[in-house]
Amino acid sequence: MHSYRSARVHQSHSLATTDRLGLTLQGKFVGYDLPPFTTYDGALGVGHDAWLAQLYAENLTDTRAQLHTNYSLNYKAITVTRPRTIGMRFSYKFRGSRSTD
């Protein structure tokens, strides 16, 4: 058995705030316009009966997308996506003789 998975996530620009009236100490609006981004994931695998080996990659283009921005304690903090991650997964489905009744 072979497996293949791919995903694309796109987000158009968004506004990072729940406070439409908040201002920084400098009088700037605390709603930050986050730029659009697209990320790509993928996985290839091979398996037989109860086992599966899979090579995967997340955020293939290593996009540093801004997920959230806020202003707290006099500094601007930006949360970004995880960097590119590549790895392998191994799984095995055990078949027990126990009943779940």
Protein backbone atom coordinates (compact mmCIF):
# COMPACT_ATOMS: atom_id res chain seq x y z
CA MET A 1 0.00 0.00 0.00
CA HIS A 2 1.23 3.49 -0.85
CA SER A 3 -0.11 6.70 0.65
CA TYR A 4 0.17 10.32 -0.42
CA ARG A 5 -1.18 13.44 1.25
CA SER A 6 -0.84 17.09 0.39
CA ALA A 7 -2.33 20.26 1.80
CA ARG A 8 -2.29 23.94 1.03
CA VAL A 9 -3.41 26.55 3.53
CA HIS A 10 -4.05 30.12 2.40
CA GLN A 11 -5.17 33.02 4.52
CA SER A 12 -5.91 36.44 3.10
CA HIS A 13 -5.03 39.42 5.23
CA SER A 14 -6.66 39.58 8.65
CA LEU A 15 -6.89 41.99 11.54
CA ALA A 16 -5.30 40.91 14.83
CA THR A 17 -7.43 42.54 17.50
CA THR A 18 -10.52 42.09 19.58
CA ASP A 19 -10.33 45.67 20.87
CA ARG A 20 -11.46 48.15 18.23
CA LEU A 21 -10.82 51.17 20.49
CA GLY A 22 -7.44 50.29 22.02
CA LEU A 23 -4.41 52.49 21.46
CA THR A 24 -0.69 52.08 22.21
CA LEU A 25 1.11 54.56 24.48
CA GLN A 26 2.10 56.42 21.30
CA GLY A 27 -1.58 56.73 20.30
CA LYS A 28 -1.48 54.10 17.52
CA PHE A 29 -4.39 51.74 16.94
CA VAL A 30 -3.64 48.25 18.34
CA GLY A 31 -5.33 46.41 15.47
CA TYR A 32 -2.55 45.02 13.30
CA ASP A 33 -3.23 44.14 9.67
CA LEU A 34 -1.63 40.73 9.13
CA PRO A 35 -0.40 40.07 5.58
CA PRO A 36 -1.72 37.13 3.52
CA PHE A 37 0.20 33.85 3.41
CA THR A 38 0.15 30.36 1.91
CA THR A 39 1.80 27.22 3.33
CA TYR A 40 2.19 23.74 1.83
CA ASP A 41 2.43 20.34 3.53
CA GLY A 42 2.94 16.88 2.08
CA ALA A 43 3.55 13.26 2.99
CA LEU A 44 4.54 10.07 1.17
CA GLY A 45 4.22 6.67 2.72
CA VAL A 46 4.39 2.96 2.20
CA GLY A 47 2.85 0.27 4.31
CA HIS A 48 1.84 -3.35 4.47
CA ASP A 49 -0.75 -5.03 6.67
CA ALA A 50 -0.44 -3.35 10.09
CA TRP A 51 2.63 -1.13 9.59
CA LEU A 52 3.16 2.21 7.84
CA ALA A 53 6.29 4.30 7.21
CA GLN A 54 5.77 7.87 6.11
CA LEU A 55 8.05 10.77 5.15
CA TYR A 56 6.39 14.13 5.80
CA ALA A 57 7.12 17.84 5.41
CA GLU A 58 5.24 20.76 6.91
CA ASN A 59 5.59 24.36 5.70
CA LEU A 60 7.64 23.28 2.69
CA THR A 61 8.36 26.85 1.54
CA ASP A 62 9.52 27.84 5.07
CA THR A 63 7.08 30.77 5.14
CA ARG A 64 7.29 32.96 8.25
CA ALA A 65 3.64 33.96 8.24
CA GLN A 66 2.31 36.24 10.95
CA LEU A 67 -0.46 34.44 12.84
CA HIS A 68 -1.06 37.03 15.56
CA THR A 69 0.33 40.38 16.65
CA ASN A 70 -0.33 42.24 19.86
CA TYR A 71 1.01 45.15 21.84
CA SER A 72 1.60 44.47 25.52
CA LEU A 73 3.91 45.87 28.18
CA ASN A 74 5.23 48.48 25.74
CA TYR A 75 6.42 46.09 23.04
CA LYS A 76 4.98 44.59 19.89
CA ALA A 77 4.90 40.76 19.91
CA ILE A 78 4.43 38.75 16.70
CA THR A 79 3.55 35.05 16.61
CA VAL A 80 4.74 33.34 13.41
CA THR A 81 4.19 29.90 11.86
CA ARG A 82 6.48 27.01 12.70
CA PRO A 83 9.52 26.77 10.42
CA ARG A 84 9.87 24.02 7.83
CA THR A 85 9.65 20.62 9.52
CA ILE A 86 10.71 17.38 7.81
CA GLY A 87 10.53 14.00 9.46
CA MET A 88 9.53 10.35 9.36
CA ARG A 89 6.65 8.58 11.04
CA PHE A 90 6.44 4.89 11.75
CA SER A 91 3.26 3.26 12.94
CA TYR A 92 2.03 -0.21 13.71
CA LYS A 93 -1.52 -1.26 14.50
CA PHE A 94 -1.53 -3.94 17.16
CA ARG A 95 -4.26 -6.51 16.98
CA GLY A 96 -5.13 -7.77 20.43
CA SER A 97 -7.37 -10.59 21.48
CA ARG A 98 -9.11 -8.50 24.14
CA SER A 99 -12.78 -7.73 23.77
CA THR A 100 -14.03 -4.18 24.32
CA ASP A 101 -17.52 -5.32 25.41
